[in-house]
Amino acid sequence: MNTGERRRGSKKRHRIVTALALLVGVAAPSIAASPGTASADGGNGHHHRGADATFTKWAVQGPTSPPSLAGVLMVGVIGGDAGDGSFAGAVLSDDTTSRPGFWLAHVRYEFLGSEHSFVLDVSVTEDDTKAPITATLRGVVTKGWMKGAPMTGEYTKRDSCPISTPGNAFGSICWQGTIHLEPRNGDD
């Protein structure tokens, strides 16, 4: 695949993820907020304390080249400091061989909240040796509210999701977690 094809594929994936996020807003109107009400940068772009958000996500499109999970598209709902809203995500790449028992992935998460919206570039370390399966998340806000802020978080896989998951490509499986955004350097 050449650079132009990768760029077109990345743009197409972003459009699909954004469209899916909007779909969740329609499918779960009692939970999701209109993206138009969210502040892209929190007003002045500064946030003087950390922020926390919760999410429940599920897959709506399976992988493009199994057994890799790259290409999986996710939607869901969020809460916490971003406000109630919708989640969109995509698995950009993954690795199941370098650390046996672990799934390592590079993903994009989008939080579209009633108070704030932001995009995260995330590294996932999922421990598939434990029950339930859990993961640690590390990343950075690349766009929107608290841009540049480091992020940490975690999630737990639920084989039977406690909420409705319209369009779930994996039956009733979902992942529930939390993220924490740290203030940027210079923001006290």
Protein backbone atom coordinates (compact mmCIF):
# COMPACT_ATOMS: atom_id res chain seq x y z
CA MET A 1 0.00 0.00 0.00
CA ASN A 2 1.50 3.37 -0.98
CA THR A 3 1.38 6.59 1.06
CA GLY A 4 -1.58 8.01 -0.88
CA GLU A 5 -3.62 4.85 -0.33
CA ARG A 6 -2.81 4.93 3.42
CA ARG A 7 -3.88 8.59 3.65
CA ARG A 8 -7.14 7.89 1.81
CA GLY A 9 -7.76 4.87 4.06
CA SER A 10 -7.06 6.94 7.18
CA LYS A 11 -9.40 9.73 6.00
CA LYS A 12 -12.10 7.18 5.17
CA ARG A 13 -11.68 5.52 8.60
CA HIS A 14 -11.98 8.93 10.33
CA ARG A 15 -15.18 9.72 8.39
CA ILE A 16 -16.64 6.33 9.32
CA VAL A 17 -15.72 6.72 13.01
CA THR A 18 -17.24 10.22 13.09
CA ALA A 19 -20.39 8.99 11.34
CA LEU A 20 -20.66 6.11 13.81
CA ALA A 21 -20.30 8.53 16.72
CA LEU A 22 -23.19 10.52 15.34
CA LEU A 23 -25.17 7.30 14.91
CA VAL A 24 -24.76 6.55 18.61
CA GLY A 25 -26.17 10.00 19.31
CA VAL A 26 -29.27 9.00 17.35
CA ALA A 27 -29.45 5.44 18.70
CA ALA A 28 -29.08 6.47 22.35
CA PRO A 29 -30.61 9.96 22.60
CA SER A 30 -31.28 9.69 26.32
CA ILE A 31 -27.56 9.26 26.95
CA ALA A 32 -25.76 10.94 24.05
CA ALA A 33 -25.50 14.66 23.63
CA SER A 34 -25.58 16.66 20.46
CA PRO A 35 -21.97 17.20 19.31
CA GLY A 36 -22.90 20.81 18.54
CA THR A 37 -23.29 21.58 22.25
CA ALA A 38 -19.78 20.51 23.15
CA SER A 39 -16.96 22.96 23.62
CA ALA A 40 -13.95 21.95 21.56
CA ASP A 41 -11.44 23.56 23.90
CA GLY A 42 -13.30 24.18 27.16
CA GLY A 43 -13.66 27.90 26.48
CA ASN A 44 -10.12 29.25 26.72
CA GLY A 45 -8.21 26.04 26.03
CA HIS A 46 -6.81 25.87 29.58
CA HIS A 47 -7.73 23.36 32.23
CA HIS A 48 -6.13 23.76 35.63
CA ARG A 49 -6.94 20.37 37.10
CA GLY A 50 -7.12 16.84 35.85
CA ALA A 51 -10.30 15.50 34.32
CA ASP A 52 -11.96 12.09 34.45
CA ALA A 53 -14.35 10.42 32.04
CA THR A 54 -16.07 7.05 31.84
CA PHE A 55 -16.91 5.05 28.75
CA THR A 56 -18.73 1.97 27.58
CA LYS A 57 -17.76 0.93 24.06
CA TRP A 58 -18.58 -1.88 21.66
CA ALA A 59 -17.49 -2.90 18.18
CA VAL A 60 -19.75 -2.18 15.21
CA GLN A 61 -17.35 -3.36 12.51
CA GLY A 62 -15.05 -6.35 12.69
CA PRO A 63 -11.39 -6.33 11.67
CA THR A 64 -10.27 -5.73 8.10
CA SER A 65 -7.58 -8.48 8.11
CA PRO A 66 -8.17 -11.12 10.80
CA PRO A 67 -6.59 -12.34 13.00
CA SER A 68 -5.41 -8.76 13.51
CA LEU A 69 -8.07 -6.52 15.07
CA ALA A 70 -6.88 -3.53 13.03
CA GLY A 71 -9.86 -1.88 11.39
CA VAL A 72 -12.31 -2.61 14.20
CA LEU A 73 -14.62 0.39 14.61
CA MET A 74 -16.21 1.13 17.97
CA VAL A 75 -19.03 3.30 19.27
CA GLY A 76 -20.38 3.85 22.74
CA VAL A 77 -21.37 6.29 25.44
CA ILE A 78 -19.38 8.49 27.82
CA GLY A 79 -19.86 10.38 31.06
CA GLY A 80 -17.83 12.28 33.63
CA ASP A 81 -16.11 15.65 33.21
CA ALA A 82 -16.72 15.73 29.43
CA GLY A 83 -20.46 15.44 30.07
CA ASP A 84 -22.79 12.75 28.82
CA GLY A 85 -22.22 11.96 25.17
CA SER A 86 -20.96 9.51 22.60
CA PHE A 87 -17.78 7.56 22.00
CA ALA A 88 -16.16 6.61 18.69
CA GLY A 89 -12.97 4.67 18.18
CA ALA A 90 -10.86 2.67 15.77
CA VAL A 91 -8.12 0.08 16.16
CA LEU A 92 -5.30 1.44 14.00
CA SER A 93 -2.82 -1.42 14.54
CA ASP A 94 -2.18 -4.26 16.95
CA ASP A 95 0.34 -6.88 18.06
CA THR A 96 -0.46 -10.27 19.58
CA THR A 97 2.97 -11.91 19.30
CA SER A 98 5.60 -9.78 21.04
CA ARG A 99 4.10 -10.34 24.55
CA PRO A 100 2.30 -13.69 24.80
CA GLY A 101 -1.00 -13.35 26.66
CA PHE A 102 -1.26 -9.64 25.92
CA TRP A 103 -2.92 -7.68 23.16
CA LEU A 104 -0.99 -4.49 22.34
CA ALA A 105 -2.76 -1.93 20.20
CA HIS A 106 -2.64 1.60 18.86
CA VAL A 107 -6.14 3.11 18.84
CA ARG A 108 -7.95 6.38 18.32
CA TYR A 109 -10.66 7.36 20.80
CA GLU A 110 -13.08 10.26 20.32
CA PHE A 111 -15.09 11.58 23.26
CA LEU A 112 -18.01 13.76 22.11
CA GLY A 113 -19.48 15.13 25.32
CA SER A 114 -22.19 17.62 26.18
CA GLU A 115 -19.56 19.73 27.99
CA HIS A 116 -16.31 18.98 26.13
CA SER A 117 -15.05 16.99 23.15
CA PHE A 118 -11.57 15.64 22.45
CA VAL A 119 -9.61 13.06 20.47
CA LEU A 120 -7.04 10.70 22.02
CA ASP A 121 -4.11 8.78 20.56
CA VAL A 122 -3.93 5.70 22.80
CA SER A 123 -1.65 2.72 23.43
CA VAL A 124 -3.53 -0.27 24.86
CA THR A 125 -1.97 -3.08 26.89
CA GLU A 126 -4.69 -5.68 27.34
CA ASP A 127 -4.00 -8.57 29.72
CA ASP A 128 -5.78 -11.58 28.24
CA THR A 129 -4.41 -13.93 30.95
CA LYS A 130 -6.87 -12.74 33.62
CA ALA A 131 -10.61 -13.09 34.00
CA PRO A 132 -12.16 -10.69 33.45
CA ILE A 133 -9.84 -9.33 30.77
CA THR A 134 -8.50 -5.89 31.69
CA ALA A 135 -6.33 -3.30 29.98
CA THR A 136 -4.24 -0.26 30.82
CA LEU A 137 -4.36 2.80 28.56
CA ARG A 138 -1.76 5.49 27.97
CA GLY A 139 -1.97 8.33 25.51
CA VAL A 140 -2.33 12.01 24.75
CA VAL A 141 -5.11 14.37 23.72
CA THR A 142 -4.42 15.26 20.07
CA LYS A 143 -7.38 17.53 19.37
CA GLY A 144 -10.01 19.51 21.26
CA TRP A 145 -10.42 20.07 24.99
CA MET A 146 -7.14 19.80 26.93
CA LYS A 147 -5.10 19.29 23.73
CA GLY A 148 -1.64 18.00 24.65
CA ALA A 149 -2.74 16.56 28.00
CA PRO A 150 -1.35 13.13 28.89
CA MET A 151 -3.97 10.43 29.50
CA THR A 152 -4.02 7.25 31.58
CA GLY A 153 -6.86 4.83 31.96
CA GLU A 154 -8.17 1.31 32.10
CA TYR A 155 -11.01 -0.87 30.90
CA THR A 156 -12.61 -4.21 31.64
CA LYS A 157 -14.16 -6.50 29.04
CA ARG A 158 -17.79 -7.46 29.77
CA ASP A 159 -19.01 -10.62 28.03
CA SER A 160 -22.59 -9.53 28.67
CA CYS A 161 -22.85 -5.75 28.49
CA PRO A 162 -25.14 -4.18 31.11
CA ILE A 163 -26.49 -1.66 28.56
CA SER A 164 -27.99 -1.92 25.10
CA THR A 165 -25.31 -2.05 22.36
CA PRO A 166 -27.01 -1.35 18.99
CA GLY A 167 -25.17 -2.81 16.00
CA ASN A 168 -22.73 -4.80 18.17
CA ALA A 169 -20.52 -6.85 15.84
CA PHE A 170 -19.48 -9.17 18.72
CA GLY A 171 -22.90 -10.00 20.16
CA SER A 172 -23.22 -8.64 23.69
CA ILE A 173 -19.52 -7.94 24.44
CA CYS A 174 -18.53 -4.44 25.54
CA TRP A 175 -15.66 -2.76 27.33
CA GLN A 176 -16.21 -0.38 30.25
CA GLY A 177 -13.53 1.92 31.54
CA THR A 178 -12.26 5.22 32.80
CA ILE A 179 -9.69 7.71 31.62
CA HIS A 180 -7.85 10.46 33.47
CA LEU A 181 -6.44 13.54 31.72
CA GLU A 182 -3.54 15.27 33.46
CA PRO A 183 -3.15 19.05 33.33
CA ARG A 184 -0.64 20.11 30.70
CA ASN A 185 2.73 21.39 31.82
CA GLY A 186 2.29 25.00 32.82
CA ASP A 187 -1.40 24.52 33.71
CA ASP A 188 -1.58 24.35 37.48
